[in-house]
Amino acid sequence: MIKSIAFGLTLFLGLSIITGLIGLRSASACNRTAGCAMDSLLEDHMMMQNGKMKDAMAAGKDNIDAFHRLQEAERRFGAGASAPRR
């Protein structure tokens, strides 16, 4: 009986320490003076300066256009016929 209680207590304490350490790592990632919000703003600004944002916006627009084409194809073929295989 004492062995099982000791084992349970050890297991509980071990898991508590491990989950606490995991939580501390993610919480302390943005524990700086400027914080993560400033890092995000700076990253967005750098993307605008080097042209990556324009590329990302173009890729997003292409994805939206492809989605709309897929929806239109589904509407055209309706529920009765199946869509052609590619």
Protein backbone atom coordinates (compact mmCIF):
# COMPACT_ATOMS: atom_id res chain seq x y z
CA MET A 1 0.00 0.00 0.00
CA ILE A 2 2.73 2.46 0.90
CA LYS A 3 4.65 1.54 -2.25
CA SER A 4 1.66 2.32 -4.48
CA ILE A 5 1.07 5.66 -2.71
CA ALA A 6 4.73 6.57 -3.05
CA PHE A 7 4.71 5.57 -6.72
CA GLY A 8 1.56 7.60 -7.38
CA LEU A 9 2.98 10.63 -5.59
CA THR A 10 6.26 10.36 -7.51
CA LEU A 11 4.41 10.04 -10.81
CA PHE A 12 2.18 13.01 -9.98
CA LEU A 13 5.11 15.22 -8.98
CA GLY A 14 7.10 14.21 -12.05
CA LEU A 15 4.24 15.01 -14.42
CA SER A 16 3.59 18.31 -12.64
CA ILE A 17 7.21 19.35 -13.05
CA ILE A 18 7.34 18.30 -16.71
CA THR A 19 4.11 20.11 -17.65
CA GLY A 20 5.27 23.17 -15.73
CA LEU A 21 8.55 23.26 -17.62
CA ILE A 22 6.82 22.83 -20.96
CA GLY A 23 4.45 25.67 -20.12
CA LEU A 24 7.26 27.95 -19.01
CA ARG A 25 9.14 27.55 -22.27
CA SER A 26 6.25 28.70 -24.44
CA ALA A 27 5.24 31.51 -22.07
CA SER A 28 8.73 32.95 -21.76
CA ALA A 29 9.25 33.10 -25.52
CA CYS A 30 7.79 36.63 -25.68
CA ASN A 31 8.89 37.92 -22.31
CA ARG A 32 10.86 40.86 -23.73
CA THR A 33 10.52 44.62 -23.52
CA ALA A 34 9.11 44.99 -27.04
CA GLY A 35 7.12 41.74 -26.90
CA CYS A 36 5.80 39.54 -29.67
CA ALA A 37 3.45 42.16 -31.06
CA MET A 38 6.40 44.33 -32.05
CA ASP A 39 8.19 41.33 -33.57
CA SER A 40 5.12 40.60 -35.67
CA LEU A 41 4.89 44.21 -36.84
CA LEU A 42 8.57 44.27 -37.75
CA GLU A 43 8.26 40.99 -39.66
CA ASP A 44 5.27 42.36 -41.60
CA HIS A 45 7.19 45.54 -42.39
CA MET A 46 10.22 43.56 -43.61
CA MET A 47 7.95 41.44 -45.83
CA MET A 48 6.56 44.62 -47.39
CA GLN A 49 10.04 45.98 -47.98
CA ASN A 50 11.55 42.89 -49.62
CA GLY A 51 8.52 41.98 -51.77
CA LYS A 52 7.59 38.73 -50.01
CA MET A 53 4.20 40.12 -49.01
CA LYS A 54 3.34 40.84 -52.65
CA ASP A 55 4.25 37.23 -53.54
CA ALA A 56 2.19 35.89 -50.63
CA MET A 57 -0.81 38.00 -51.63
CA ALA A 58 -0.55 36.78 -55.24
CA ALA A 59 -0.38 33.16 -54.07
CA GLY A 60 -3.42 33.71 -51.86
CA LYS A 61 -5.35 35.25 -54.75
CA ASP A 62 -4.44 32.27 -56.94
CA ASN A 63 -5.75 29.92 -54.24
CA ILE A 64 -9.01 31.84 -53.97
CA ASP A 65 -9.46 31.80 -57.77
CA ALA A 66 -8.83 28.03 -57.85
CA PHE A 67 -11.39 27.53 -55.08
CA HIS A 68 -13.98 29.55 -56.99
CA ARG A 69 -13.29 27.52 -60.16
CA LEU A 70 -13.79 24.33 -58.14
CA GLN A 71 -17.10 25.60 -56.75
CA GLU A 72 -18.26 26.57 -60.24
CA ALA A 73 -17.35 23.13 -61.59
CA GLU A 74 -19.29 21.49 -58.76
CA ARG A 75 -22.32 23.67 -59.52
CA ARG A 76 -22.12 22.87 -63.25
CA PHE A 77 -21.98 19.12 -62.76
CA GLY A 78 -24.67 19.20 -60.08
CA ALA A 79 -25.75 16.29 -57.96
CA GLY A 80 -26.64 13.94 -60.86
CA ALA A 81 -23.37 13.67 -62.75
CA SER A 82 -19.94 13.11 -61.33
CA ALA A 83 -17.06 15.49 -61.94
CA PRO A 84 -14.51 14.44 -64.56
CA ARG A 85 -11.28 12.90 -63.33
CA ARG A 86 -8.03 14.68 -64.01
